[in-house]
Structures are given as structure tokens and as C-alpha cells.
């Protein structure tokens, strides 16, 4: 189920110039818990009113975009909600075909994680039509366990076909549904969320261990994907699914993550319960920090931002320190898209890291605080450049996976990824 494609031809030299001239972003900014605080150079984040954005027209959403919601334990970069809006509209134009999220670089196939990403983007950006369309698509591709079959191919070269679910897509959909029950009145969002959360626990949790999908069988406990760990979700799930031990899952995730983190937070893409990297699922790259594991700073950092779990900050400190060691005061171009657990270069070709790496890196840096301000702010500026520049949108930088994590990261870095149930 390894499904990452290489990023080719990134233009980090241009980004270095852009970040060097980016003003406030590179010199430290503290959005604090207000979401609209001032940067280190005195510049202020811009949060335009909801009436500025077309998706809010005629909407009765409880939380129309933007919110700039407080993430009480984290500091923001200096942001502009127009940047997030542009990134969202660019993402939607390229990857939402009116019925589903597609991967153009993979024969326009569809994976469950993409449906989850789209539903998360839809609920926080107040795009109810897209949200409802994607949820309808997911339900029409459920397997026998009422979880989405993880890949829907097209028959084109490079597209995939497979059976079974992928836990990350299912849990992103479930969290998005739970948020939708607070965002929009009417509908069956709340009951759909509760049902899906229960199905995830029944078919994708073994004891209290989150496994990678419902088709892993007896090998599931030895083939774990730690980038699926989303502790902030499990706190929300526990509020509506009290019959299952979601806090036990949360604690087990942190225990396993700590065992796998090493000195630098470079958790392998796939691990055993002891935290050792394994190539059982992906023989070439499973034991290394790469295109799966790069998401971990986002999922873990958000838990510290929202809930203040010190285990999350401990991890964020490790990975942020490592990323900072590969950066300069004006550029993240030294970060590449794969590492050994000791920080070396893996035995395969690596490229400059794209948004799926540097976006989540910014969320981890937010959890660390102002001591990681340069990393935090350069992350924002780098993702902004790739998400909003027309030239970048047609380059290898703006692929499905990178663009999706770019939008999600910009949402979080502007206070627009949070827990509406709180």
C-alpha cells in the first residue's frame, strides 16, 4: 500500500530568493493563541472577514472561513487568509474533478486519503457542496466493513487497483464528518461520523494498536504506519464513541512513536511495534523516513497545539531540531525527501523536499514555539510560494500529494484547522 511518487525538478533556488525577500516571515512571528498576532518585525497577520470569500455567500455555516481559531499552545507565522484561499482554489481546480479527488500523476486514480483530505479542506474552508460530493463518493466505494476501499483505478498506466481500506483516509473522513456536524445544520453528519468511527475501531484497531487497514490480517501488528497516528482525532472520537477505548489507542500511539523516534524524530515509514523500521510493505523505502512519515509532525503537532500533550511537543522538538539543522536563515532547500533514522542519506536517490515535508514541518515548529520561529515562518513562505504561484502550479512541486499537504498546512498555520467539538 505504499503509494508515494517522487518529486522531480523542484526549483528551490527560486524559493530561497523568495524567502530571503519575504520580510516578516523569516525573522520570527508569534501569532500566539489569537491567530492574528504580530510578527517579530512588527508585521501583522491579515485575517479578512468571511464576506471576502465566495464560498461563504448564502451559507449558514457556524464557522465560515476564515476563523483564525485559537490554537492555545502554539505560535503562528505571520499569515494572510487570502494566501490560504488561493491555495485552496488552486488545489480544488486541479484535483477535484466534480465527483472525487484525483491524482493526475497516477493516471487520475483516486485514493481514500485524497477523499479524506478533500473533506477536511471542505469542512474548514466551508465548501459544503464539495464535502457532500466527496462523502457520497466514499460511501459508494465502501468495502464489506463499510470502510472505503483505498484505491480506485482508472485502467490508465500508473493507476492502482486494490482491495481493503487505509486507516488514514478513514480517520480523516471521520474527523471531517464530526466537524461537519458542528459546521452545518441538518444532514446525517453526526450519525455518519459515529458509525464510521465505530467501524474504524472494529476493523482497524487491534487491541489498542492502530493498524494500517482492514486487510492486513495477522500481519497488521508488525506492519504499522505511524503517519496514521492522529491523537487529536481520538480525543474527539472518544466524545461520541464512548464504548471504545480511544484514549487507549492514543496512548499506544504515543508509546510506539516514542520507541521509533530515535534522536532526531526520523520515524520510519513503516515500523514494528518496537519502533524498528520494516520493509515488509515497501521493501525499498519502508525502513526510512520518507513520503509517509513526513506527515507525522502535522498530526502530532496539532495535538500539542490543541490539547497541550507534552508527548507531542517532545516529538516536535526532535524533528524540528533536525529540520533546522538542514536549513539556513532564508531557505529550507537543504531538506530532502528521505533520511535514515540517524539522519543520513538512504540508499536510493533523494530530491529536494516538497510541501508534504516542509508544510508539516511548520506545524511541528509551531508546537515548539518561538525557538523554532525561523523554521515555522520559512515553512509558511515556502508552501505559500508553491501553492499560489502560477509557475509553481505547473511544475513538479504542485502534485496531488504535495499540494494537499500544502493546503492543509496553510490552514493549520492560519488557525483554520481545529476541533469544532471543543
Protein backbone atom coordinates (compact mmCIF):
# COMPACT_ATOMS: atom_id res chain seq x y z
CA UNK A 1 0.00 0.00 0.00
CA UNK A 2 2.97 2.28 -0.41
CA UNK A 3 1.75 4.86 -2.88
CA UNK A 4 4.12 7.78 -2.94
CA UNK A 5 5.52 9.25 -6.12
CA UNK A 6 8.83 11.03 -6.44
CA UNK A 7 9.01 14.81 -6.55
CA UNK A 8 11.03 15.82 -9.57
CA UNK A 9 12.50 19.12 -10.67
CA UNK A 10 11.86 21.36 -7.69
CA UNK A 11 13.04 24.94 -8.10
CA UNK A 12 14.34 25.61 -4.61
CA UNK A 13 16.74 28.29 -5.83
CA UNK A 14 13.75 30.48 -6.65
CA UNK A 15 12.24 29.74 -3.28
CA UNK A 16 15.42 30.72 -1.49
CA UNK A 17 15.27 34.10 -3.17
CA UNK A 18 11.59 34.46 -2.36
CA UNK A 19 12.07 33.54 1.27
CA UNK A 20 15.07 35.83 1.61
CA UNK A 21 12.92 38.74 0.50
CA UNK A 22 9.88 37.58 2.42
CA UNK A 23 10.14 40.18 5.13
CA UNK A 24 8.44 39.26 8.36
CA UNK A 25 8.20 35.53 7.77
CA UNK A 26 11.89 34.73 8.06
CA UNK A 27 12.56 36.75 11.14
CA UNK A 28 10.08 35.33 13.58
CA UNK A 29 6.40 35.77 14.14
CA UNK A 30 4.21 34.95 17.08
CA UNK A 31 0.58 34.59 16.25
CA UNK A 32 0.15 33.37 19.80
CA UNK A 33 -3.23 31.95 20.64
CA UNK A 34 -5.18 34.69 18.95
CA UNK A 35 -4.39 33.68 15.39
CA UNK A 36 -3.77 37.29 14.39
CA UNK A 37 -0.81 38.39 16.40
CA UNK A 38 2.18 40.37 15.26
CA UNK A 39 5.37 39.07 13.73
CA UNK A 40 8.86 39.68 15.01
CA UNK A 41 9.36 42.61 12.64
CA UNK A 42 6.11 44.27 13.61
CA UNK A 43 4.08 42.99 10.67
CA UNK A 44 0.61 41.77 11.45
CA UNK A 45 -1.22 38.72 10.15
CA UNK A 46 -4.12 39.52 7.84
CA UNK A 47 -7.44 37.80 8.53
CA UNK A 48 -10.03 39.15 6.15
CA UNK A 49 -13.74 38.89 7.01
CA UNK A 50 -15.76 35.86 5.85
CA UNK A 51 -17.70 38.09 3.48
CA UNK A 52 -14.49 38.36 1.43
CA UNK A 53 -14.72 34.76 0.29
CA UNK A 54 -17.18 33.41 -2.25
CA UNK A 55 -17.85 30.05 -0.62
CA UNK A 56 -19.47 31.85 2.32
CA UNK A 57 -22.08 33.58 0.18
CA UNK A 58 -25.51 32.39 1.26
CA UNK A 59 -24.02 29.92 3.72
CA UNK A 60 -25.35 29.47 7.24
CA UNK A 61 -22.17 27.78 8.44
CA UNK A 62 -21.44 28.10 12.14
CA UNK A 63 -17.77 28.76 11.35
CA UNK A 64 -17.40 30.33 7.90
CA UNK A 65 -13.86 30.65 6.60
CA UNK A 66 -11.70 32.19 7.97
CA UNK A 67 -11.77 31.61 11.70
CA UNK A 68 -8.19 32.27 12.81
CA UNK A 69 -9.14 29.99 15.65
CA UNK A 70 -7.05 29.87 18.76
CA UNK A 71 -4.55 27.03 18.96
CA UNK A 72 -3.79 27.77 22.60
CA UNK A 73 -0.41 26.11 22.89
CA UNK A 74 1.18 27.09 19.58
CA UNK A 75 2.54 30.17 17.85
CA UNK A 76 1.64 31.07 14.28
CA UNK A 77 3.74 32.53 11.48
CA UNK A 78 2.67 35.85 10.04
CA UNK A 79 -0.07 34.76 7.64
CA UNK A 80 -2.67 36.13 5.24
CA UNK A 81 -6.01 34.39 4.78
CA UNK A 82 -6.00 35.36 1.10
CA UNK A 83 -2.96 33.09 0.70
CA UNK A 84 -4.85 30.15 2.17
CA UNK A 85 -7.86 30.89 -0.02
CA UNK A 86 -5.73 30.98 -3.17
CA UNK A 87 -4.03 27.71 -2.26
CA UNK A 88 -7.43 26.09 -1.70
CA UNK A 89 -8.88 27.32 -5.01
CA UNK A 90 -5.76 26.20 -6.91
CA UNK A 91 -5.93 22.78 -5.24
CA UNK A 92 -9.63 22.38 -6.00
CA UNK A 93 -9.24 23.44 -9.63
CA UNK A 94 -6.53 20.85 -10.28
CA UNK A 95 -7.52 17.86 -8.16
CA UNK A 96 -11.31 17.91 -7.64
CA UNK A 97 -12.99 16.73 -10.84
CA UNK A 98 -16.53 17.39 -9.66
CA UNK A 99 -17.06 13.94 -8.15
CA UNK A 100 -13.79 12.96 -6.45
CA UNK A 101 -10.19 13.94 -5.76
CA UNK A 102 -7.85 12.60 -8.45
CA UNK A 103 -4.10 12.06 -8.77
CA UNK A 104 -3.19 13.32 -12.26
CA UNK A 105 0.33 11.96 -11.95
CA UNK A 106 -1.09 8.49 -11.26
CA UNK A 107 -3.43 8.13 -14.20
CA UNK A 108 -6.16 10.20 -12.47
CA UNK A 109 -6.88 7.45 -9.97
CA UNK A 110 -8.44 8.14 -6.58
CA UNK A 111 -7.29 7.07 -3.13
CA UNK A 112 -9.21 7.20 0.11
CA UNK A 113 -6.66 9.53 1.67
CA UNK A 114 -7.45 12.06 -1.06
CA UNK A 115 -11.14 11.88 -0.25
CA UNK A 116 -10.23 12.45 3.40
CA UNK A 117 -8.02 15.41 2.55
CA UNK A 118 -10.78 16.91 0.42
CA UNK A 119 -13.37 16.50 3.16
CA UNK A 120 -11.06 18.15 5.70
CA UNK A 121 -10.40 21.02 3.33
CA UNK A 122 -14.11 21.29 2.56
CA UNK A 123 -15.31 21.49 6.14
CA UNK A 124 -12.76 24.05 7.33
CA UNK A 125 -12.94 26.16 4.15
CA UNK A 126 -16.77 25.99 4.27
CA UNK A 127 -17.18 24.22 0.93
CA UNK A 128 -20.24 22.10 1.72
CA UNK A 129 -21.03 21.10 -1.89
CA UNK A 130 -17.56 19.61 -2.39
CA UNK A 131 -17.69 17.98 1.04
CA UNK A 132 -21.04 16.29 0.37
CA UNK A 133 -19.94 15.13 -3.07
CA UNK A 134 -16.78 13.52 -1.70
CA UNK A 135 -18.63 11.77 1.12
CA UNK A 136 -21.13 10.41 -1.39
CA UNK A 137 -18.23 9.08 -3.48
CA UNK A 138 -16.64 7.44 -0.44
CA UNK A 139 -19.85 5.66 0.53
CA UNK A 140 -20.29 4.36 -3.00
CA UNK A 141 -16.88 2.67 -2.72
CA UNK A 142 -17.19 1.05 0.70
CA UNK A 143 -15.89 -2.46 1.24
CA UNK A 144 -17.68 -5.11 3.28
CA UNK A 145 -16.63 -3.43 6.53
CA UNK A 146 -18.17 -0.10 5.48
CA UNK A 147 -14.76 1.49 5.08
CA UNK A 148 -13.63 2.97 1.78
CA UNK A 149 -11.60 0.71 -0.49
CA UNK A 150 -8.31 2.56 -0.51
CA UNK A 151 -7.69 2.88 -4.26
CA UNK A 152 -9.95 3.31 -7.26
CA UNK A 153 -8.02 2.89 -10.51
CA UNK A 154 -8.87 4.10 -13.97
CA UNK A 155 -7.19 1.49 -16.12
CA UNK A 156 -4.63 4.07 -17.21
CA UNK A 157 -0.94 3.39 -16.86
CA UNK A 158 0.28 4.04 -13.34
CA UNK A 159 -3.13 3.91 -11.69
CA UNK A 160 -3.80 1.45 -8.90
CA UNK A 161 -6.45 -1.07 -8.03
CA UNK A 162 -6.60 -2.80 -4.69
CA UNK A 163 -8.91 -4.15 -2.04
CA UNK A 164 -9.08 -3.22 1.62
CA UNK A 165 -9.06 0.09 3.43
CA UNK A 166 -6.38 2.55 4.50
CA UNK A 167 -6.81 3.83 8.03
CA UNK A 168 -5.58 7.36 7.41
CA UNK A 169 -8.24 8.05 4.81
CA UNK A 170 -10.97 6.61 7.01
CA UNK A 171 -9.99 8.59 10.10
CA UNK A 172 -9.65 11.84 8.14
CA UNK A 173 -13.17 11.30 6.77
CA UNK A 174 -14.50 10.51 10.24
CA UNK A 175 -12.95 13.62 11.79
CA UNK A 176 -14.22 15.75 8.91
CA UNK A 177 -17.74 14.35 9.40
CA UNK A 178 -17.57 15.12 13.10
CA UNK A 179 -16.55 18.70 12.27
CA UNK A 180 -19.32 18.90 9.67
CA UNK A 181 -21.88 18.04 12.35
CA UNK A 182 -20.83 21.28 14.09
CA UNK A 183 -20.28 23.33 10.95
CA UNK A 184 -23.57 22.78 9.08
CA UNK A 185 -27.07 22.15 10.39
CA UNK A 186 -29.16 19.31 9.08
CA UNK A 187 -27.97 16.19 7.36
CA UNK A 188 -26.69 12.97 8.88
CA UNK A 189 -23.13 14.12 9.56
CA UNK A 190 -23.21 13.26 13.28
CA UNK A 191 -24.63 9.76 12.84
CA UNK A 192 -22.38 9.08 9.86
CA UNK A 193 -19.36 10.15 11.90
CA UNK A 194 -20.29 7.93 14.84
CA UNK A 195 -20.89 4.93 12.60
CA UNK A 196 -17.61 5.39 10.72
CA UNK A 197 -15.66 5.90 13.96
CA UNK A 198 -17.08 2.64 15.29
CA UNK A 199 -16.17 0.80 12.09
CA UNK A 200 -12.62 2.13 12.26
CA UNK A 201 -12.23 0.84 15.81
CA UNK A 202 -13.75 -2.54 14.98
CA UNK A 203 -11.72 -3.20 11.83
CA UNK A 204 -8.60 -1.01 12.05
CA UNK A 205 -7.66 -1.27 15.73
CA UNK A 206 -6.12 -4.45 17.16
CA UNK A 207 -6.31 -4.28 20.95
CA UNK A 208 -5.32 -0.64 21.30
CA UNK A 209 -2.94 -0.64 18.33
CA UNK A 210 -3.97 1.28 15.22
CA UNK A 211 -3.23 -0.88 12.19
CA UNK A 212 -2.86 0.31 8.61
CA UNK A 213 -6.11 -1.03 7.19
CA UNK A 214 -8.72 -3.75 7.39
CA UNK A 215 -6.92 -6.14 5.01
CA UNK A 216 -3.63 -6.54 6.88
CA UNK A 217 -4.85 -9.56 8.84
CA UNK A 218 -2.48 -11.29 11.25
CA UNK A 219 0.48 -9.26 9.97
CA UNK A 220 -1.16 -5.96 10.89
CA UNK A 221 0.63 -5.61 14.22
CA UNK A 222 4.02 -5.95 12.54
CA UNK A 223 3.31 -3.52 9.69
CA UNK A 224 2.37 -0.22 11.31
CA UNK A 225 2.30 3.18 9.62
CA UNK A 226 2.97 5.81 12.31
CA UNK A 227 1.99 8.64 9.96
CA UNK A 228 -1.58 7.47 10.51
CA UNK A 229 -1.41 8.34 14.22
CA UNK A 230 -3.76 11.28 14.83
CA UNK A 231 -4.12 11.68 18.61
CA UNK A 232 -6.17 14.87 18.44
CA UNK A 233 -8.77 12.93 16.45
CA UNK A 234 -9.01 10.19 19.04
CA UNK A 235 -9.86 12.69 21.75
CA UNK A 236 -12.74 13.89 19.59
CA UNK A 237 -13.77 10.33 18.68
CA UNK A 238 -13.95 9.41 22.37
CA UNK A 239 -16.60 12.07 22.96
CA UNK A 240 -19.06 10.35 20.58
CA UNK A 241 -17.90 6.73 20.78
CA UNK A 242 -17.57 6.04 24.49
CA UNK A 243 -17.97 2.31 24.01
CA UNK A 244 -14.49 2.02 22.53
CA UNK A 245 -11.13 2.74 24.17
CA UNK A 246 -9.93 5.62 22.03
CA UNK A 247 -7.74 7.02 24.79
CA UNK A 248 -6.03 3.65 24.94
CA UNK A 249 -5.35 3.95 21.21
CA UNK A 250 -4.00 7.46 21.75
CA UNK A 251 -1.63 6.33 24.50
CA UNK A 252 -0.43 3.35 22.48
CA UNK A 253 0.30 5.62 19.52
CA UNK A 254 2.49 7.84 21.68
CA UNK A 255 4.28 4.82 23.18
CA UNK A 256 5.04 3.39 19.74
CA UNK A 257 6.04 6.78 18.35
CA UNK A 258 8.49 7.35 21.20
CA UNK A 259 10.07 3.96 20.55
CA UNK A 260 10.52 4.81 16.87
CA UNK A 261 11.65 8.44 17.17
CA UNK A 262 15.35 7.97 17.85
CA UNK A 263 17.47 11.07 18.39
CA UNK A 264 16.07 13.08 15.51
CA UNK A 265 12.38 12.20 15.18
CA UNK A 266 13.07 10.48 11.86
CA UNK A 267 10.47 7.77 12.27
CA UNK A 268 10.47 5.12 9.51
CA UNK A 269 7.58 4.99 7.06
CA UNK A 270 6.66 1.51 8.33
CA UNK A 271 7.53 0.04 11.72
CA UNK A 272 7.07 -2.92 14.03
CA UNK A 273 5.51 -2.37 17.50
CA UNK A 274 9.03 -1.95 18.94
CA UNK A 275 9.58 1.04 16.64
CA UNK A 276 12.00 -0.71 14.29
CA UNK A 277 11.71 0.17 10.64
CA UNK A 278 10.50 -2.56 8.33
CA UNK A 279 10.40 -3.11 4.59
CA UNK A 280 7.56 -5.61 4.78
CA UNK A 281 5.14 -3.27 3.00
CA UNK A 282 7.64 -1.22 0.97
CA UNK A 283 10.88 -3.12 0.60
CA UNK A 284 12.78 -0.16 -0.86
CA UNK A 285 11.72 2.69 1.42
CA UNK A 286 9.70 1.29 4.31
CA UNK A 287 12.52 1.43 6.83
CA UNK A 288 13.34 5.09 6.13
CA UNK A 289 11.80 8.48 6.91
CA UNK A 290 10.05 9.47 3.71
CA UNK A 291 6.76 10.13 1.97
CA UNK A 292 4.58 8.50 4.61
CA UNK A 293 6.43 9.61 7.74
CA UNK A 294 6.79 13.23 6.58
CA UNK A 295 3.18 13.79 7.73
CA UNK A 296 3.88 12.94 11.36
CA UNK A 297 4.85 16.47 12.53
CA UNK A 298 1.44 17.72 11.39
CA UNK A 299 -0.66 15.05 13.06
CA UNK A 300 1.36 15.11 16.27
CA UNK A 301 1.98 18.86 16.35
CA UNK A 302 -1.75 19.58 16.10
CA UNK A 303 -2.34 17.58 19.27
CA UNK A 304 0.02 19.82 21.17
CA UNK A 305 -1.47 22.94 19.60
CA UNK A 306 -5.00 21.96 20.63
CA UNK A 307 -4.51 19.87 23.74
CA UNK A 308 -1.06 20.59 25.13
CA UNK A 309 0.07 16.96 25.36
CA UNK A 310 3.75 17.19 26.27
CA UNK A 311 4.48 13.93 24.47
CA UNK A 312 3.56 15.70 21.25
CA UNK A 313 5.87 18.61 21.97
CA UNK A 314 8.71 16.23 22.80
CA UNK A 315 8.41 14.69 19.35
CA UNK A 316 8.01 18.08 17.67
CA UNK A 317 11.21 19.29 19.33
CA UNK A 318 13.19 16.34 17.95
CA UNK A 319 12.08 16.69 14.34
CA UNK A 320 12.19 20.49 14.39
CA UNK A 321 15.76 20.49 15.64
CA UNK A 322 16.73 18.11 12.86
CA UNK A 323 14.99 20.11 10.15
CA UNK A 324 16.55 23.32 11.45
CA UNK A 325 20.00 21.74 11.16
CA UNK A 326 19.36 21.26 7.43
CA UNK A 327 18.11 24.82 6.88
CA UNK A 328 19.52 28.32 6.69
CA UNK A 329 18.12 31.62 7.86
CA UNK A 330 16.49 32.15 4.47
CA UNK A 331 15.84 28.74 2.91
CA UNK A 332 14.66 25.19 3.60
CA UNK A 333 16.39 23.93 0.44
CA UNK A 334 18.72 21.73 2.48
CA UNK A 335 15.83 19.45 3.49
CA UNK A 336 15.46 16.41 1.22
CA UNK A 337 12.69 13.86 0.79
CA UNK A 338 14.24 10.92 2.61
CA UNK A 339 16.51 10.14 5.56
CA UNK A 340 17.81 7.21 7.50
CA UNK A 341 16.78 7.17 11.16
CA UNK A 342 20.23 8.55 12.06
CA UNK A 343 19.91 11.50 9.66
CA UNK A 344 21.90 10.10 6.75
CA UNK A 345 21.00 9.67 3.10
CA UNK A 346 19.09 6.44 2.35
CA UNK A 347 20.30 4.02 -0.34
CA UNK A 348 18.06 5.47 -3.01
CA UNK A 349 18.01 8.79 -4.84
CA UNK A 350 16.56 11.69 -2.91
CA UNK A 351 15.30 15.04 -4.14
CA UNK A 352 14.62 18.39 -2.57
CA UNK A 353 11.66 18.11 -0.21
CA UNK A 354 8.30 19.49 -1.28
CA UNK A 355 5.22 20.68 0.55
CA UNK A 356 4.41 17.29 2.09
CA UNK A 357 7.63 17.66 4.08
CA UNK A 358 8.01 21.39 4.70
CA UNK A 359 4.31 22.05 5.40
CA UNK A 360 4.04 19.58 8.30
CA UNK A 361 7.48 20.74 9.43
CA UNK A 362 5.90 24.13 10.04
CA UNK A 363 3.20 22.64 12.26
CA UNK A 364 5.83 20.84 14.30
CA UNK A 365 7.70 24.12 14.63
CA UNK A 366 4.51 25.85 15.80
CA UNK A 367 4.32 23.30 18.61
CA UNK A 368 7.90 24.02 19.64
CA UNK A 369 7.28 27.78 19.86
CA UNK A 370 9.38 30.81 19.07
CA UNK A 371 12.65 28.92 19.45
CA UNK A 372 11.69 27.34 16.10
CA UNK A 373 10.42 30.59 14.57
CA UNK A 374 12.70 30.52 11.53
CA UNK A 375 11.64 27.01 10.57
CA UNK A 376 7.98 27.86 11.22
CA UNK A 377 7.99 31.01 9.13
CA UNK A 378 10.08 29.64 6.27
CA UNK A 379 7.69 26.71 6.09
CA UNK A 380 4.79 29.10 5.60
CA UNK A 381 6.64 31.12 2.94
CA UNK A 382 7.79 28.01 1.08
CA UNK A 383 4.34 26.46 0.97
CA UNK A 384 2.85 29.81 0.01
CA UNK A 385 5.22 30.05 -2.96
CA UNK A 386 4.38 26.58 -4.24
CA UNK A 387 0.63 26.87 -3.62
CA UNK A 388 -0.10 30.30 -5.03
CA UNK A 389 2.41 30.92 -7.82
CA UNK A 390 1.06 30.04 -11.29
CA UNK A 391 4.56 28.99 -12.39
CA UNK A 392 4.91 26.63 -9.45
CA UNK A 393 1.42 25.21 -10.02
CA UNK A 394 2.54 23.78 -13.36
CA UNK A 395 5.83 22.41 -12.02
CA UNK A 396 6.66 19.18 -10.24
CA UNK A 397 6.03 20.99 -6.96
CA UNK A 398 2.24 21.07 -7.27
CA UNK A 399 1.39 17.38 -7.41
CA UNK A 400 -1.61 15.84 -5.66
CA UNK A 401 0.16 14.75 -2.51
CA UNK A 402 2.32 17.83 -2.02
CA UNK A 403 -0.47 20.26 -2.87
CA UNK A 404 -2.89 18.52 -0.48
CA UNK A 405 -0.48 18.79 2.44
CA UNK A 406 0.36 22.31 1.40
CA UNK A 407 -3.26 23.45 1.73
CA UNK A 408 -3.80 21.56 4.99
CA UNK A 409 -0.63 23.07 6.43
CA UNK A 410 -1.55 26.61 5.43
CA UNK A 411 -4.95 26.07 7.03
CA UNK A 412 -3.29 25.00 10.28
CA UNK A 413 -0.73 27.81 10.13
CA UNK A 414 -3.58 30.34 9.99
CA UNK A 415 -5.75 28.83 12.72
CA UNK A 416 -8.16 27.14 10.32
CA UNK A 417 -7.61 23.51 11.31
CA UNK A 418 -9.03 22.89 14.76
CA UNK A 419 -11.55 20.91 16.79
CA UNK A 420 -15.05 22.31 16.45
CA UNK A 421 -16.31 19.93 19.14
CA UNK A 422 -14.30 21.91 21.71
